């Protein structure tokens, strides 16, 4: 990779490497390594493993900030859709990652630089390379740069279970007094608080937590429903 191409790719990624060899390794497919006579050349699979973990953490963080009222299940489904092979490959193709990959002859002949599996794996490896080279904050910035628009434009999943509403209906059907919600604790800095809610229905009391008051109430309502639906 010449200096001009090296600079162009880093511009597309949104990060300048202090140790360019990390980026080169991130682009090195195992098919290329298998054809080398030396065992000193490493492929990108270990970086891919690490990049997958970093991506999941950062995208999860971005989704929690964007959708403070969604439950764990909905957040997990949204994250899975964003870090899937198809979407990662699309990002890789957009920044031209394929043309920089080091591939074996067989993969070159079969257009490996266009294969979704190879592109998505390489993108994960690049994220790991950024993380190792610049730390978590830089990796966070790179991921946010490529994912924020998608996260902002993605519609929140329809809430299949509005636990508060369902609980209200169940309580009314049993002629109980309406549920009472009370904040018992708020911890953490202003930009990242965690709320604790106590929910009372007659003699039943449950606690819920969440990154917003609404999310904590939904958590408490979910737990109350679980108790009441088994009685």
C-alpha atoms as a PDB file:
ATOM      1  CA  UNK A   1       0.000   0.000   0.000  1.00  0.00           C
ATOM      2  CA  UNK A   2       1.635   3.262  -1.101  1.00  0.00           C
ATOM      3  CA  UNK A   3       1.579   6.401   1.026  1.00  0.00           C
ATOM      4  CA  UNK A   4      -1.137   8.093  -1.031  1.00  0.00           C
ATOM      5  CA  UNK A   5      -3.447   5.089  -0.821  1.00  0.00           C
ATOM      6  CA  UNK A   6      -2.619   4.688   2.855  1.00  0.00           C
ATOM      7  CA  UNK A   7      -3.644   8.289   3.545  1.00  0.00           C
ATOM      8  CA  UNK A   8      -6.820   8.020   1.457  1.00  0.00           C
ATOM      9  CA  UNK A   9      -7.975   4.944   3.350  1.00  0.00           C
ATOM     10  CA  UNK A  10      -7.295   6.522   6.733  1.00  0.00           C
ATOM     11  CA  UNK A  11      -9.263   9.587   5.655  1.00  0.00           C
ATOM     12  CA  UNK A  12     -12.174   7.331   4.709  1.00  0.00           C
ATOM     13  CA  UNK A  13     -11.991   5.501   8.030  1.00  0.00           C
ATOM     14  CA  UNK A  14     -11.719   8.769   9.935  1.00  0.00           C
ATOM     15  CA  UNK A  15      -8.552   7.982  11.854  1.00  0.00           C
ATOM     16  CA  UNK A  16      -4.792   8.431  11.369  1.00  0.00           C
ATOM     17  CA  UNK A  17      -2.698   5.539  12.669  1.00  0.00           C
ATOM     18  CA  UNK A  18       0.399   6.002  14.785  1.00  0.00           C
ATOM     19  CA  UNK A  19       1.326   2.402  13.978  1.00  0.00           C
ATOM     20  CA  UNK A  20       0.312   1.823  10.342  1.00  0.00           C
ATOM     21  CA  UNK A  21       1.269  -1.852  10.533  1.00  0.00           C
ATOM     22  CA  UNK A  22      -1.895  -2.435  12.589  1.00  0.00           C
ATOM     23  CA  UNK A  23      -4.015  -1.211   9.705  1.00  0.00           C
ATOM     24  CA  UNK A  24      -2.063  -3.364   7.258  1.00  0.00           C
ATOM     25  CA  UNK A  25      -2.680  -6.427   9.425  1.00  0.00           C
ATOM     26  CA  UNK A  26      -6.383  -5.607   9.653  1.00  0.00           C
ATOM     27  CA  UNK A  27      -6.560  -5.821   5.862  1.00  0.00           C
ATOM     28  CA  UNK A  28      -4.672  -9.113   5.581  1.00  0.00           C
ATOM     29  CA  UNK A  29      -6.956 -12.076   4.890  1.00  0.00           C
ATOM     30  CA  UNK A  30      -5.954 -15.588   5.932  1.00  0.00           C
ATOM     31  CA  UNK A  31      -5.886 -16.696   2.285  1.00  0.00           C
ATOM     32  CA  UNK A  32      -2.965 -14.332   1.702  1.00  0.00           C
ATOM     33  CA  UNK A  33      -1.101 -15.517   4.805  1.00  0.00           C
ATOM     34  CA  UNK A  34      -1.554 -19.167   3.799  1.00  0.00           C
ATOM     35  CA  UNK A  35       0.402 -18.495   0.601  1.00  0.00           C
ATOM     36  CA  UNK A  36       3.368 -16.897   2.341  1.00  0.00           C
ATOM     37  CA  UNK A  37       6.568 -18.833   2.994  1.00  0.00           C
ATOM     38  CA  UNK A  38       7.128 -17.202   6.388  1.00  0.00           C
ATOM     39  CA  UNK A  39       5.127 -17.699   9.546  1.00  0.00           C
ATOM     40  CA  UNK A  40       5.806 -14.183  10.741  1.00  0.00           C
ATOM     41  CA  UNK A  41       2.924 -12.637   8.815  1.00  0.00           C
ATOM     42  CA  UNK A  42      -0.339 -12.542  10.789  1.00  0.00           C
ATOM     43  CA  UNK A  43      -3.828 -12.462   9.314  1.00  0.00           C
ATOM     44  CA  UNK A  44      -6.664 -10.295  10.615  1.00  0.00           C
ATOM     45  CA  UNK A  45      -8.699 -12.942  12.437  1.00  0.00           C
ATOM     46  CA  UNK A  46      -7.561 -12.057  15.964  1.00  0.00           C
ATOM     47  CA  UNK A  47      -8.252  -8.398  15.239  1.00  0.00           C
ATOM     48  CA  UNK A  48     -11.654  -9.360  13.862  1.00  0.00           C
ATOM     49  CA  UNK A  49     -12.464 -11.090  17.166  1.00  0.00           C
ATOM     50  CA  UNK A  50     -11.568  -7.997  19.170  1.00  0.00           C
ATOM     51  CA  UNK A  51     -13.275  -5.599  16.772  1.00  0.00           C
ATOM     52  CA  UNK A  52     -16.542  -7.504  17.063  1.00  0.00           C
ATOM     53  CA  UNK A  53     -16.520  -6.956  20.832  1.00  0.00           C
ATOM     54  CA  UNK A  54     -15.684  -3.250  20.528  1.00  0.00           C
ATOM     55  CA  UNK A  55     -18.378  -2.725  17.900  1.00  0.00           C
ATOM     56  CA  UNK A  56     -21.046  -4.407  20.006  1.00  0.00           C
ATOM     57  CA  UNK A  57     -20.125  -2.332  23.050  1.00  0.00           C
ATOM     58  CA  UNK A  58     -20.113   1.014  21.245  1.00  0.00           C
ATOM     59  CA  UNK A  59     -23.224   0.406  19.137  1.00  0.00           C
ATOM     60  CA  UNK A  60     -25.027  -0.775  22.263  1.00  0.00           C
ATOM     61  CA  UNK A  61     -23.990   2.432  24.039  1.00  0.00           C
ATOM     62  CA  UNK A  62     -25.182   4.583  21.124  1.00  0.00           C
ATOM     63  CA  UNK A  63     -28.516   2.771  21.013  1.00  0.00           C
ATOM     64  CA  UNK A  64     -29.086   3.163  24.758  1.00  0.00           C
ATOM     65  CA  UNK A  65     -28.478   6.901  24.474  1.00  0.00           C
ATOM     66  CA  UNK A  66     -30.775   7.175  21.455  1.00  0.00           C
ATOM     67  CA  UNK A  67     -33.583   5.024  22.922  1.00  0.00           C
ATOM     68  CA  UNK A  68     -33.577   5.354  26.734  1.00  0.00           C
ATOM     69  CA  UNK A  69     -37.014   3.765  27.049  1.00  0.00           C
ATOM     70  CA  UNK A  70     -36.384   0.575  25.081  1.00  0.00           C
ATOM     71  CA  UNK A  71     -35.946  -2.671  26.960  1.00  0.00           C
ATOM     72  CA  UNK A  72     -32.990  -5.026  26.665  1.00  0.00           C
ATOM     73  CA  UNK A  73     -34.685  -7.261  24.108  1.00  0.00           C
ATOM     74  CA  UNK A  74     -35.495  -4.424  21.708  1.00  0.00           C
ATOM     75  CA  UNK A  75     -32.014  -2.930  22.088  1.00  0.00           C
ATOM     76  CA  UNK A  76     -30.429  -6.306  21.378  1.00  0.00           C
ATOM     77  CA  UNK A  77     -32.497  -6.765  18.241  1.00  0.00           C
ATOM     78  CA  UNK A  78     -31.624  -3.291  16.975  1.00  0.00           C
ATOM     79  CA  UNK A  79     -27.935  -3.840  17.652  1.00  0.00           C
ATOM     80  CA  UNK A  80     -27.980  -7.199  15.884  1.00  0.00           C
ATOM     81  CA  UNK A  81     -29.411  -5.494  12.816  1.00  0.00           C
ATOM     82  CA  UNK A  82     -26.686  -2.856  12.840  1.00  0.00           C
ATOM     83  CA  UNK A  83     -23.663  -5.103  13.361  1.00  0.00           C
ATOM     84  CA  UNK A  84     -24.774  -7.829  10.964  1.00  0.00           C
ATOM     85  CA  UNK A  85     -22.562  -8.973   8.097  1.00  0.00           C
ATOM     86  CA  UNK A  86     -24.642  -7.189   5.458  1.00  0.00           C
ATOM     87  CA  UNK A  87     -24.482  -3.789   7.128  1.00  0.00           C
ATOM     88  CA  UNK A  88     -20.799  -3.993   8.048  1.00  0.00           C
ATOM     89  CA  UNK A  89     -19.966  -5.046   4.505  1.00  0.00           C
ATOM     90  CA  UNK A  90     -21.900  -2.045   3.181  1.00  0.00           C
ATOM     91  CA  UNK A  91     -19.828   0.317   5.351  1.00  0.00           C
ATOM     92  CA  UNK A  92     -16.632  -1.405   4.239  1.00  0.00           C
ATOM     93  CA  UNK A  93     -17.637  -1.060   0.600  1.00  0.00           C
ATOM     94  CA  UNK A  94     -18.549   2.594   1.092  1.00  0.00           C
ATOM     95  CA  UNK A  95     -15.077   3.469   2.369  1.00  0.00           C
ATOM     96  CA  UNK A  96     -13.424   1.374  -0.343  1.00  0.00           C
ATOM     97  CA  UNK A  97     -11.944  -1.204   1.999  1.00  0.00           C
ATOM     98  CA  UNK A  98     -12.074  -3.994  -0.578  1.00  0.00           C
ATOM     99  CA  UNK A  99      -9.452  -2.489  -2.853  1.00  0.00           C
ATOM    100  CA  UNK A 100      -6.923  -2.455   0.006  1.00  0.00           C
ATOM    101  CA  UNK A 101      -7.349  -6.067   1.134  1.00  0.00           C
ATOM    102  CA  UNK A 102      -4.471  -8.516   0.916  1.00  0.00           C
ATOM    103  CA  UNK A 103      -5.990 -11.690  -0.495  1.00  0.00           C
ATOM    104  CA  UNK A 104      -4.712 -15.020  -1.739  1.00  0.00           C
ATOM    105  CA  UNK A 105      -4.774 -15.801  -5.448  1.00  0.00           C
ATOM    106  CA  UNK A 106      -7.898 -17.911  -5.142  1.00  0.00           C
ATOM    107  CA  UNK A 107      -9.857 -15.156  -3.407  1.00  0.00           C
ATOM    108  CA  UNK A 108      -8.639 -12.600  -5.925  1.00  0.00           C
ATOM    109  CA  UNK A 109      -9.896 -14.782  -8.785  1.00  0.00           C
ATOM    110  CA  UNK A 110     -13.309 -15.141  -7.137  1.00  0.00           C
ATOM    111  CA  UNK A 111     -13.646 -11.406  -6.369  1.00  0.00           C
ATOM    112  CA  UNK A 112     -13.008 -11.838  -2.671  1.00  0.00           C
ATOM    113  CA  UNK A 113     -12.713  -8.077  -2.296  1.00  0.00           C
ATOM    114  CA  UNK A 114     -16.463  -7.909  -2.907  1.00  0.00           C
ATOM    115  CA  UNK A 115     -17.568 -10.765  -0.649  1.00  0.00           C
ATOM    116  CA  UNK A 116     -19.689  -9.609   2.265  1.00  0.00           C
ATOM    117  CA  UNK A 117     -18.094 -12.019   4.718  1.00  0.00           C
ATOM    118  CA  UNK A 118     -14.563 -10.843   3.934  1.00  0.00           C
ATOM    119  CA  UNK A 119     -15.523  -7.163   3.930  1.00  0.00           C
ATOM    120  CA  UNK A 120     -17.418  -7.326   7.215  1.00  0.00           C
ATOM    121  CA  UNK A 121     -14.612  -9.246   8.908  1.00  0.00           C
ATOM    122  CA  UNK A 122     -12.060  -6.719   7.642  1.00  0.00           C
ATOM    123  CA  UNK A 123     -14.127  -3.814   8.955  1.00  0.00           C
ATOM    124  CA  UNK A 124     -14.259  -5.414  12.406  1.00  0.00           C
ATOM    125  CA  UNK A 125     -10.491  -5.896  12.241  1.00  0.00           C
ATOM    126  CA  UNK A 126     -10.018  -2.219  11.329  1.00  0.00           C
ATOM    127  CA  UNK A 127     -12.064  -1.188  14.361  1.00  0.00           C
ATOM    128  CA  UNK A 128      -9.811  -3.342  16.550  1.00  0.00           C
ATOM    129  CA  UNK A 129      -6.749  -1.760  14.943  1.00  0.00           C
ATOM    130  CA  UNK A 130      -8.066   1.703  15.784  1.00  0.00           C
ATOM    131  CA  UNK A 131      -8.795   0.574  19.339  1.00  0.00           C
ATOM    132  CA  UNK A 132      -5.295  -0.839  19.832  1.00  0.00           C
ATOM    133  CA  UNK A 133      -3.626   2.142  18.204  1.00  0.00           C
ATOM    134  CA  UNK A 134      -5.595   5.003  19.727  1.00  0.00           C
ATOM    135  CA  UNK A 135      -7.632   3.616  22.609  1.00  0.00           C
ATOM    136  CA  UNK A 136     -11.332   3.250  23.277  1.00  0.00           C
ATOM    137  CA  UNK A 137     -12.244   6.914  22.801  1.00  0.00           C
ATOM    138  CA  UNK A 138     -10.831   6.991  19.265  1.00  0.00           C
ATOM    139  CA  UNK A 139     -12.549   3.713  18.413  1.00  0.00           C
ATOM    140  CA  UNK A 140     -15.799   5.129  19.799  1.00  0.00           C
ATOM    141  CA  UNK A 141     -15.451   8.203  17.567  1.00  0.00           C
ATOM    142  CA  UNK A 142     -14.792   6.131  14.443  1.00  0.00           C
ATOM    143  CA  UNK A 143     -17.738   3.827  15.088  1.00  0.00           C
ATOM    144  CA  UNK A 144     -20.043   6.749  15.883  1.00  0.00           C
ATOM    145  CA  UNK A 145     -18.986   8.417  12.638  1.00  0.00           C
ATOM    146  CA  UNK A 146     -20.086   5.419  10.577  1.00  0.00           C
ATOM    147  CA  UNK A 147     -23.130   4.384  12.611  1.00  0.00           C
ATOM    148  CA  UNK A 148     -24.739   7.545  14.007  1.00  0.00           C
ATOM    149  CA  UNK A 149     -26.792   8.406  10.916  1.00  0.00           C
ATOM    150  CA  UNK A 150     -28.113   4.866  10.706  1.00  0.00           C
ATOM    151  CA  UNK A 151     -28.965   4.800  14.411  1.00  0.00           C
ATOM    152  CA  UNK A 152     -30.681   8.184  14.243  1.00  0.00           C
ATOM    153  CA  UNK A 153     -32.742   7.208  11.203  1.00  0.00           C
ATOM    154  CA  UNK A 154     -33.654   3.702  12.376  1.00  0.00           C
ATOM    155  CA  UNK A 155     -37.210   3.620  13.742  1.00  0.00           C
ATOM    156  CA  UNK A 156     -37.571   2.307  17.236  1.00  0.00           C
ATOM    157  CA  UNK A 157     -39.207  -1.117  17.240  1.00  0.00           C
ATOM    158  CA  UNK A 158     -42.866  -1.118  18.000  1.00  0.00           C
ATOM    159  CA  UNK A 159     -43.190  -1.783  21.688  1.00  0.00           C
ATOM    160  CA  UNK A 160     -44.735  -5.197  21.607  1.00  0.00           C
ATOM    161  CA  UNK A 161     -45.140  -5.132  25.367  1.00  0.00           C
ATOM    162  CA  UNK A 162     -45.929  -1.797  26.965  1.00  0.00           C
ATOM    163  CA  UNK A 163     -45.631  -3.248  30.452  1.00  0.00           C
ATOM    164  CA  UNK A 164     -47.159  -0.249  32.235  1.00  0.00           C
ATOM    165  CA  UNK A 165     -50.291  -0.276  30.081  1.00  0.00           C
ATOM    166  CA  UNK A 166     -50.644  -4.040  30.325  1.00  0.00           C
ATOM    167  CA  UNK A 167     -50.211  -3.897  34.085  1.00  0.00           C
ATOM    168  CA  UNK A 168     -52.809  -1.133  34.355  1.00  0.00           C
ATOM    169  CA  UNK A 169     -55.323  -3.227  32.409  1.00  0.00           C
ATOM    170  CA  UNK A 170     -54.649  -6.304  34.517  1.00  0.00           C
ATOM    171  CA  UNK A 171     -54.985  -4.396  37.786  1.00  0.00           C
ATOM    172  CA  UNK A 172     -58.235  -2.787  36.666  1.00  0.00           C
ATOM    173  CA  UNK A 173     -59.647  -6.158  35.620  1.00  0.00           C
ATOM    174  CA  UNK A 174     -59.020  -7.425  39.141  1.00  0.00           C
ATOM    175  CA  UNK A 175     -60.524  -4.293  40.714  1.00  0.00           C
ATOM    176  CA  UNK A 176     -57.342  -3.319  42.508  1.00  0.00           C
ATOM    177  CA  UNK A 177     -56.199   0.223  43.212  1.00  0.00           C
ATOM    178  CA  UNK A 178     -53.972   1.588  40.410  1.00  0.00           C
ATOM    179  CA  UNK A 179     -50.217   0.963  40.615  1.00  0.00           C
ATOM    180  CA  UNK A 180     -48.130   3.566  42.423  1.00  0.00           C
ATOM    181  CA  UNK A 181     -44.628   4.412  41.208  1.00  0.00           C
ATOM    182  CA  UNK A 182     -42.061   6.099  43.432  1.00  0.00           C
ATOM    183  CA  UNK A 183     -38.460   7.055  42.695  1.00  0.00           C
ATOM    184  CA  UNK A 184     -36.266   5.586  45.418  1.00  0.00           C
ATOM    185  CA  UNK A 185     -32.815   6.387  44.068  1.00  0.00           C
ATOM    186  CA  UNK A 186     -30.963   8.109  41.227  1.00  0.00           C
ATOM    187  CA  UNK A 187     -27.263   7.363  40.890  1.00  0.00           C
ATOM    188  CA  UNK A 188     -24.502   8.395  38.504  1.00  0.00           C
ATOM    189  CA  UNK A 189     -23.544  11.666  36.797  1.00  0.00           C
ATOM    190  CA  UNK A 190     -26.199  13.874  35.215  1.00  0.00           C
ATOM    191  CA  UNK A 191     -25.438  12.620  31.702  1.00  0.00           C
ATOM    192  CA  UNK A 192     -25.597   8.936  32.671  1.00  0.00           C
ATOM    193  CA  UNK A 193     -27.991   8.451  35.589  1.00  0.00           C
ATOM    194  CA  UNK A 194     -29.582   5.185  36.651  1.00  0.00           C
ATOM    195  CA  UNK A 195     -33.007   5.414  38.263  1.00  0.00           C
ATOM    196  CA  UNK A 196     -34.572   3.045  40.785  1.00  0.00           C
ATOM    197  CA  UNK A 197     -38.345   2.867  41.027  1.00  0.00           C
ATOM    198  CA  UNK A 198     -40.541   1.162  43.612  1.00  0.00           C
ATOM    199  CA  UNK A 199     -43.905  -0.040  42.353  1.00  0.00           C
ATOM    200  CA  UNK A 200     -46.700  -0.810  44.780  1.00  0.00           C
ATOM    201  CA  UNK A 201     -50.004  -2.585  44.123  1.00  0.00           C
ATOM    202  CA  UNK A 202     -51.763  -3.307  47.376  1.00  0.00           C
ATOM    203  CA  UNK A 203     -49.387  -5.518  49.349  1.00  0.00           C
ATOM    204  CA  UNK A 204     -47.220  -6.295  46.308  1.00  0.00           C
ATOM    205  CA  UNK A 205     -44.017  -4.259  46.026  1.00  0.00           C
ATOM    206  CA  UNK A 206     -41.363  -4.606  43.315  1.00  0.00           C
ATOM    207  CA  UNK A 207     -38.337  -2.565  42.300  1.00  0.00           C
ATOM    208  CA  UNK A 208     -37.234  -1.559  38.820  1.00  0.00           C
ATOM    209  CA  UNK A 209     -34.191   0.162  37.356  1.00  0.00           C
ATOM    210  CA  UNK A 210     -33.441   1.963  34.117  1.00  0.00           C
ATOM    211  CA  UNK A 211     -31.486   4.726  32.445  1.00  0.00           C
ATOM    212  CA  UNK A 212     -34.573   6.938  32.551  1.00  0.00           C
ATOM    213  CA  UNK A 213     -37.595   7.213  34.842  1.00  0.00           C
ATOM    214  CA  UNK A 214     -39.814   5.735  32.148  1.00  0.00           C
ATOM    215  CA  UNK A 215     -37.474   2.824  31.578  1.00  0.00           C
ATOM    216  CA  UNK A 216     -37.315   2.126  35.321  1.00  0.00           C
ATOM    217  CA  UNK A 217     -41.108   2.210  35.543  1.00  0.00           C
ATOM    218  CA  UNK A 218     -41.382  -0.209  32.614  1.00  0.00           C
ATOM    219  CA  UNK A 219     -38.901  -2.536  34.308  1.00  0.00           C
ATOM    220  CA  UNK A 220     -40.873  -2.464  37.540  1.00  0.00           C
ATOM    221  CA  UNK A 221     -44.139  -3.010  35.683  1.00  0.00           C
ATOM    222  CA  UNK A 222     -42.643  -5.985  33.829  1.00  0.00           C
ATOM    223  CA  UNK A 223     -41.620  -7.594  37.109  1.00  0.00           C
ATOM    224  CA  UNK A 224     -45.012  -6.917  38.659  1.00  0.00           C
ATOM    225  CA  UNK A 225     -46.751  -8.503  35.662  1.00  0.00           C
ATOM    226  CA  UNK A 226     -44.608 -11.588  36.019  1.00  0.00           C
ATOM    227  CA  UNK A 227     -45.666 -11.906  39.656  1.00  0.00           C
ATOM    228  CA  UNK A 228     -49.352 -11.204  39.083  1.00  0.00           C
ATOM    229  CA  UNK A 229     -49.761 -13.395  35.991  1.00  0.00           C
ATOM    230  CA  UNK A 230     -48.642 -16.435  37.950  1.00  0.00           C
ATOM    231  CA  UNK A 231     -51.138 -15.869  40.743  1.00  0.00           C
END
